[in-house]
């Protein structure tokens, strides 16, 4: 596991870096095959914020926690990521067991979903035309619609489908997919 710890508005001391790496390494038992882990420690006013992004199996796990103490924030974000990883592993093993059971019974192995009792589900699907436009036009369109996100074909990147979203700080974020080969 390759762990990168960096600071934003804070100097990352060797002790803080060692603590973060030690706690993140606990995730290895849940995330076999995890390669890159990005840890960003930041301080905004009195809040100590920890953001962790873990890449594994072609997926991304992300957790963010904010408290008045950096060490507490690290502990909380690791707990959150452990729960996410466990949930993912449980779903994966259920799907694999069910697929094997169906194959043993001679039935086709179809994709099955396992919505939990407390999990939200898709209750509405919308279809709309995806118009090629640049990022500035997408921001304008999103604001005109009054939405917090907007899906569009980015004319600046060969009409790749992008997602523009409003961040908590009032700025914008752009999701530009990087497809696996």
C-alpha atoms as a PDB file:
ATOM      1  CA  UNK A   1       0.000   0.000   0.000  1.00  0.00           C
ATOM      2  CA  UNK A   2       1.445   3.324  -1.120  1.00  0.00           C
ATOM      3  CA  UNK A   3       0.391   6.039   1.359  1.00  0.00           C
ATOM      4  CA  UNK A   4       0.908   9.716   0.568  1.00  0.00           C
ATOM      5  CA  UNK A   5       0.244  12.183   3.391  1.00  0.00           C
ATOM      6  CA  UNK A   6       0.206  15.887   2.624  1.00  0.00           C
ATOM      7  CA  UNK A   7      -0.964  18.992   4.393  1.00  0.00           C
ATOM      8  CA  UNK A   8      -3.015  21.966   3.349  1.00  0.00           C
ATOM      9  CA  UNK A   9      -2.688  25.021   5.631  1.00  0.00           C
ATOM     10  CA  UNK A  10      -0.776  22.813   8.061  1.00  0.00           C
ATOM     11  CA  UNK A  11       2.758  21.493   8.382  1.00  0.00           C
ATOM     12  CA  UNK A  12       2.675  17.716   8.601  1.00  0.00           C
ATOM     13  CA  UNK A  13       4.987  16.741  11.458  1.00  0.00           C
ATOM     14  CA  UNK A  14       6.739  13.363  11.389  1.00  0.00           C
ATOM     15  CA  UNK A  15       4.629  12.237  14.379  1.00  0.00           C
ATOM     16  CA  UNK A  16       1.364  13.213  12.634  1.00  0.00           C
ATOM     17  CA  UNK A  17       2.448  11.507   9.418  1.00  0.00           C
ATOM     18  CA  UNK A  18       3.450   8.329  11.282  1.00  0.00           C
ATOM     19  CA  UNK A  19       0.123   8.283  13.153  1.00  0.00           C
ATOM     20  CA  UNK A  20      -1.883   8.697   9.944  1.00  0.00           C
ATOM     21  CA  UNK A  21       0.105   5.985   8.143  1.00  0.00           C
ATOM     22  CA  UNK A  22      -0.246   3.580  11.086  1.00  0.00           C
ATOM     23  CA  UNK A  23      -4.021   4.053  11.219  1.00  0.00           C
ATOM     24  CA  UNK A  24      -4.451   3.802   7.429  1.00  0.00           C
ATOM     25  CA  UNK A  25      -2.439   0.550   7.371  1.00  0.00           C
ATOM     26  CA  UNK A  26      -5.242  -1.009   9.455  1.00  0.00           C
ATOM     27  CA  UNK A  27      -7.348  -0.862   6.285  1.00  0.00           C
ATOM     28  CA  UNK A  28      -5.053  -3.369   4.542  1.00  0.00           C
ATOM     29  CA  UNK A  29      -6.903  -6.306   6.082  1.00  0.00           C
ATOM     30  CA  UNK A  30     -10.127  -5.091   4.428  1.00  0.00           C
ATOM     31  CA  UNK A  31      -8.644  -3.806   1.183  1.00  0.00           C
ATOM     32  CA  UNK A  32      -6.335  -6.439  -0.255  1.00  0.00           C
ATOM     33  CA  UNK A  33      -4.980  -5.072  -3.504  1.00  0.00           C
ATOM     34  CA  UNK A  34      -5.248  -1.429  -2.492  1.00  0.00           C
ATOM     35  CA  UNK A  35      -2.405   0.385  -4.174  1.00  0.00           C
ATOM     36  CA  UNK A  36      -2.571   4.133  -3.662  1.00  0.00           C
ATOM     37  CA  UNK A  37      -3.891   5.997  -0.645  1.00  0.00           C
ATOM     38  CA  UNK A  38      -3.999   9.783  -0.601  1.00  0.00           C
ATOM     39  CA  UNK A  39      -4.339  11.478   2.792  1.00  0.00           C
ATOM     40  CA  UNK A  40      -4.890  15.240   2.925  1.00  0.00           C
ATOM     41  CA  UNK A  41      -4.730  16.949   6.315  1.00  0.00           C
ATOM     42  CA  UNK A  42      -6.028  20.507   6.449  1.00  0.00           C
ATOM     43  CA  UNK A  43      -7.011  23.136   8.956  1.00  0.00           C
ATOM     44  CA  UNK A  44      -9.739  25.670   8.265  1.00  0.00           C
ATOM     45  CA  UNK A  45     -10.447  27.985  11.170  1.00  0.00           C
ATOM     46  CA  UNK A  46     -10.789  25.671  14.186  1.00  0.00           C
ATOM     47  CA  UNK A  47     -11.637  22.555  12.156  1.00  0.00           C
ATOM     48  CA  UNK A  48      -9.067  19.812  11.555  1.00  0.00           C
ATOM     49  CA  UNK A  49     -10.120  18.029   8.374  1.00  0.00           C
ATOM     50  CA  UNK A  50      -8.844  14.679   7.116  1.00  0.00           C
ATOM     51  CA  UNK A  51      -9.667  13.490   3.594  1.00  0.00           C
ATOM     52  CA  UNK A  52      -8.648   9.980   2.531  1.00  0.00           C
ATOM     53  CA  UNK A  53      -8.990   8.465  -0.947  1.00  0.00           C
ATOM     54  CA  UNK A  54      -8.198   4.773  -1.462  1.00  0.00           C
ATOM     55  CA  UNK A  55      -7.967   3.158  -4.897  1.00  0.00           C
ATOM     56  CA  UNK A  56      -8.480  -0.613  -5.186  1.00  0.00           C
ATOM     57  CA  UNK A  57     -10.099  -3.112  -7.554  1.00  0.00           C
ATOM     58  CA  UNK A  58     -10.912  -0.294  -9.982  1.00  0.00           C
ATOM     59  CA  UNK A  59     -12.985   1.457  -7.312  1.00  0.00           C
ATOM     60  CA  UNK A  60     -12.436   4.449  -5.093  1.00  0.00           C
ATOM     61  CA  UNK A  61     -13.280   4.677  -1.421  1.00  0.00           C
ATOM     62  CA  UNK A  62     -13.358   8.162   0.003  1.00  0.00           C
ATOM     63  CA  UNK A  63     -13.847   9.421   3.529  1.00  0.00           C
ATOM     64  CA  UNK A  64     -13.736  12.846   5.121  1.00  0.00           C
ATOM     65  CA  UNK A  65     -14.005  13.801   8.778  1.00  0.00           C
ATOM     66  CA  UNK A  66     -13.707  17.071  10.620  1.00  0.00           C
ATOM     67  CA  UNK A  67     -13.239  17.689  14.354  1.00  0.00           C
ATOM     68  CA  UNK A  68     -11.363  20.039  16.631  1.00  0.00           C
ATOM     69  CA  UNK A  69      -8.433  17.594  16.865  1.00  0.00           C
ATOM     70  CA  UNK A  70      -6.440  16.172  13.947  1.00  0.00           C
ATOM     71  CA  UNK A  71      -5.812  12.823  15.642  1.00  0.00           C
ATOM     72  CA  UNK A  72      -9.531  12.384  16.357  1.00  0.00           C
ATOM     73  CA  UNK A  73     -10.332  13.237  12.732  1.00  0.00           C
ATOM     74  CA  UNK A  74      -7.882  10.568  11.546  1.00  0.00           C
ATOM     75  CA  UNK A  75      -9.477   7.975  13.860  1.00  0.00           C
ATOM     76  CA  UNK A  76     -12.986   8.820  12.673  1.00  0.00           C
ATOM     77  CA  UNK A  77     -12.135   8.731   8.963  1.00  0.00           C
ATOM     78  CA  UNK A  78     -10.439   5.329   9.357  1.00  0.00           C
ATOM     79  CA  UNK A  79     -13.577   3.988  11.108  1.00  0.00           C
ATOM     80  CA  UNK A  80     -15.724   5.317   8.268  1.00  0.00           C
ATOM     81  CA  UNK A  81     -13.507   3.707   5.618  1.00  0.00           C
ATOM     82  CA  UNK A  82     -13.477   0.387   7.494  1.00  0.00           C
ATOM     83  CA  UNK A  83     -17.288   0.358   7.420  1.00  0.00           C
ATOM     84  CA  UNK A  84     -17.325   1.194   3.698  1.00  0.00           C
ATOM     85  CA  UNK A  85     -14.787  -1.540   2.934  1.00  0.00           C
ATOM     86  CA  UNK A  86     -16.671  -4.105   5.015  1.00  0.00           C
ATOM     87  CA  UNK A  87     -19.932  -3.206   3.277  1.00  0.00           C
ATOM     88  CA  UNK A  88     -18.256  -3.607  -0.118  1.00  0.00           C
ATOM     89  CA  UNK A  89     -16.698  -6.957   0.831  1.00  0.00           C
ATOM     90  CA  UNK A  90     -20.025  -8.252   2.182  1.00  0.00           C
ATOM     91  CA  UNK A  91     -21.891  -7.315  -0.987  1.00  0.00           C
ATOM     92  CA  UNK A  92     -19.192  -8.835  -3.157  1.00  0.00           C
ATOM     93  CA  UNK A  93     -19.161 -12.109  -1.239  1.00  0.00           C
ATOM     94  CA  UNK A  94     -22.983 -12.325  -1.264  1.00  0.00           C
ATOM     95  CA  UNK A  95     -23.045 -11.772  -5.010  1.00  0.00           C
ATOM     96  CA  UNK A  96     -20.343 -14.404  -5.545  1.00  0.00           C
ATOM     97  CA  UNK A  97     -22.097 -16.963  -3.311  1.00  0.00           C
ATOM     98  CA  UNK A  98     -25.415 -16.358  -5.042  1.00  0.00           C
ATOM     99  CA  UNK A  99     -23.813 -16.603  -8.482  1.00  0.00           C
ATOM    100  CA  UNK A 100     -22.173 -19.925  -7.541  1.00  0.00           C
ATOM    101  CA  UNK A 101     -25.454 -21.228  -6.084  1.00  0.00           C
ATOM    102  CA  UNK A 102     -27.348 -20.312  -9.259  1.00  0.00           C
ATOM    103  CA  UNK A 103     -24.689 -21.965 -11.439  1.00  0.00           C
ATOM    104  CA  UNK A 104     -24.838 -25.133  -9.295  1.00  0.00           C
ATOM    105  CA  UNK A 105     -28.609 -25.221  -9.791  1.00  0.00           C
ATOM    106  CA  UNK A 106     -28.114 -24.907 -13.549  1.00  0.00           C
ATOM    107  CA  UNK A 107     -29.663 -21.454 -13.716  1.00  0.00           C
ATOM    108  CA  UNK A 108     -28.024 -18.546 -15.542  1.00  0.00           C
ATOM    109  CA  UNK A 109     -25.893 -16.307 -13.351  1.00  0.00           C
ATOM    110  CA  UNK A 110     -27.716 -13.015 -13.622  1.00  0.00           C
ATOM    111  CA  UNK A 111     -26.843  -9.750 -11.988  1.00  0.00           C
ATOM    112  CA  UNK A 112     -28.695  -9.454  -8.709  1.00  0.00           C
ATOM    113  CA  UNK A 113     -28.960  -6.553  -6.352  1.00  0.00           C
ATOM    114  CA  UNK A 114     -29.114  -6.800  -2.602  1.00  0.00           C
ATOM    115  CA  UNK A 115     -30.735  -3.666  -1.316  1.00  0.00           C
ATOM    116  CA  UNK A 116     -30.463  -3.610   2.460  1.00  0.00           C
ATOM    117  CA  UNK A 117     -33.366  -2.605   4.627  1.00  0.00           C
ATOM    118  CA  UNK A 118     -31.816   0.728   5.536  1.00  0.00           C
ATOM    119  CA  UNK A 119     -30.306   1.534   2.137  1.00  0.00           C
ATOM    120  CA  UNK A 120     -31.873   4.076  -0.209  1.00  0.00           C
ATOM    121  CA  UNK A 121     -32.939   2.827  -3.624  1.00  0.00           C
ATOM    122  CA  UNK A 122     -33.464   4.399  -7.029  1.00  0.00           C
ATOM    123  CA  UNK A 123     -37.071   5.559  -7.196  1.00  0.00           C
ATOM    124  CA  UNK A 124     -36.907   7.729 -10.296  1.00  0.00           C
ATOM    125  CA  UNK A 125     -34.919   7.748 -13.529  1.00  0.00           C
ATOM    126  CA  UNK A 126     -34.573  10.809 -15.724  1.00  0.00           C
ATOM    127  CA  UNK A 127     -33.424  10.874 -19.314  1.00  0.00           C
ATOM    128  CA  UNK A 128     -32.206  14.027 -20.983  1.00  0.00           C
ATOM    129  CA  UNK A 129     -30.115  14.981 -23.993  1.00  0.00           C
ATOM    130  CA  UNK A 130     -26.425  15.508 -23.235  1.00  0.00           C
ATOM    131  CA  UNK A 131     -25.372  18.622 -25.143  1.00  0.00           C
ATOM    132  CA  UNK A 132     -21.705  19.301 -25.981  1.00  0.00           C
ATOM    133  CA  UNK A 133     -20.552  22.483 -24.214  1.00  0.00           C
ATOM    134  CA  UNK A 134     -17.546  23.948 -22.450  1.00  0.00           C
ATOM    135  CA  UNK A 135     -17.208  24.124 -18.658  1.00  0.00           C
ATOM    136  CA  UNK A 136     -18.236  27.802 -18.412  1.00  0.00           C
ATOM    137  CA  UNK A 137     -21.447  27.133 -20.324  1.00  0.00           C
ATOM    138  CA  UNK A 138     -22.134  24.125 -18.075  1.00  0.00           C
ATOM    139  CA  UNK A 139     -21.722  26.324 -14.963  1.00  0.00           C
ATOM    140  CA  UNK A 140     -24.166  28.839 -16.427  1.00  0.00           C
ATOM    141  CA  UNK A 141     -26.657  26.103 -17.320  1.00  0.00           C
ATOM    142  CA  UNK A 142     -26.378  24.489 -13.868  1.00  0.00           C
ATOM    143  CA  UNK A 143     -26.991  27.817 -12.142  1.00  0.00           C
ATOM    144  CA  UNK A 144     -29.945  28.586 -14.409  1.00  0.00           C
ATOM    145  CA  UNK A 145     -31.504  25.257 -13.460  1.00  0.00           C
ATOM    146  CA  UNK A 146     -30.751  25.792  -9.764  1.00  0.00           C
ATOM    147  CA  UNK A 147     -29.113  22.362  -9.422  1.00  0.00           C
ATOM    148  CA  UNK A 148     -26.085  21.325  -7.368  1.00  0.00           C
ATOM    149  CA  UNK A 149     -24.692  19.183 -10.193  1.00  0.00           C
ATOM    150  CA  UNK A 150     -24.873  19.042 -13.976  1.00  0.00           C
ATOM    151  CA  UNK A 151     -24.025  16.288 -16.485  1.00  0.00           C
ATOM    152  CA  UNK A 152     -22.735  17.398 -19.894  1.00  0.00           C
ATOM    153  CA  UNK A 153     -20.544  16.407 -22.842  1.00  0.00           C
ATOM    154  CA  UNK A 154     -17.344  18.423 -22.444  1.00  0.00           C
ATOM    155  CA  UNK A 155     -16.495  19.949 -25.832  1.00  0.00           C
ATOM    156  CA  UNK A 156     -12.990  20.690 -24.503  1.00  0.00           C
ATOM    157  CA  UNK A 157     -12.240  16.989 -23.971  1.00  0.00           C
ATOM    158  CA  UNK A 158     -13.586  15.205 -27.074  1.00  0.00           C
ATOM    159  CA  UNK A 159     -17.187  15.291 -25.807  1.00  0.00           C
ATOM    160  CA  UNK A 160     -16.427  13.040 -22.844  1.00  0.00           C
ATOM    161  CA  UNK A 161     -19.274  12.958 -20.362  1.00  0.00           C
ATOM    162  CA  UNK A 162     -18.372  15.116 -17.334  1.00  0.00           C
ATOM    163  CA  UNK A 163     -20.131  15.996 -14.100  1.00  0.00           C
ATOM    164  CA  UNK A 164     -19.948  19.520 -12.749  1.00  0.00           C
ATOM    165  CA  UNK A 165     -20.904  19.998  -9.091  1.00  0.00           C
ATOM    166  CA  UNK A 166     -21.100  22.734  -6.493  1.00  0.00           C
ATOM    167  CA  UNK A 167     -18.696  22.211  -3.585  1.00  0.00           C
ATOM    168  CA  UNK A 168     -19.467  23.014   0.051  1.00  0.00           C
ATOM    169  CA  UNK A 169     -17.114  26.010  -0.134  1.00  0.00           C
ATOM    170  CA  UNK A 170     -19.184  27.553  -2.969  1.00  0.00           C
ATOM    171  CA  UNK A 171     -16.684  26.736  -5.728  1.00  0.00           C
ATOM    172  CA  UNK A 172     -17.180  24.116  -8.432  1.00  0.00           C
ATOM    173  CA  UNK A 173     -15.761  20.668  -8.965  1.00  0.00           C
ATOM    174  CA  UNK A 174     -15.474  18.818 -12.269  1.00  0.00           C
ATOM    175  CA  UNK A 175     -15.483  15.042 -12.592  1.00  0.00           C
ATOM    176  CA  UNK A 176     -13.694  14.080 -15.802  1.00  0.00           C
ATOM    177  CA  UNK A 177     -13.557  10.274 -16.002  1.00  0.00           C
ATOM    178  CA  UNK A 178     -10.293   8.475 -16.651  1.00  0.00           C
ATOM    179  CA  UNK A 179     -11.355   5.174 -18.195  1.00  0.00           C
ATOM    180  CA  UNK A 180      -9.588   1.889 -17.425  1.00  0.00           C
ATOM    181  CA  UNK A 181      -8.063   0.035 -20.342  1.00  0.00           C
END
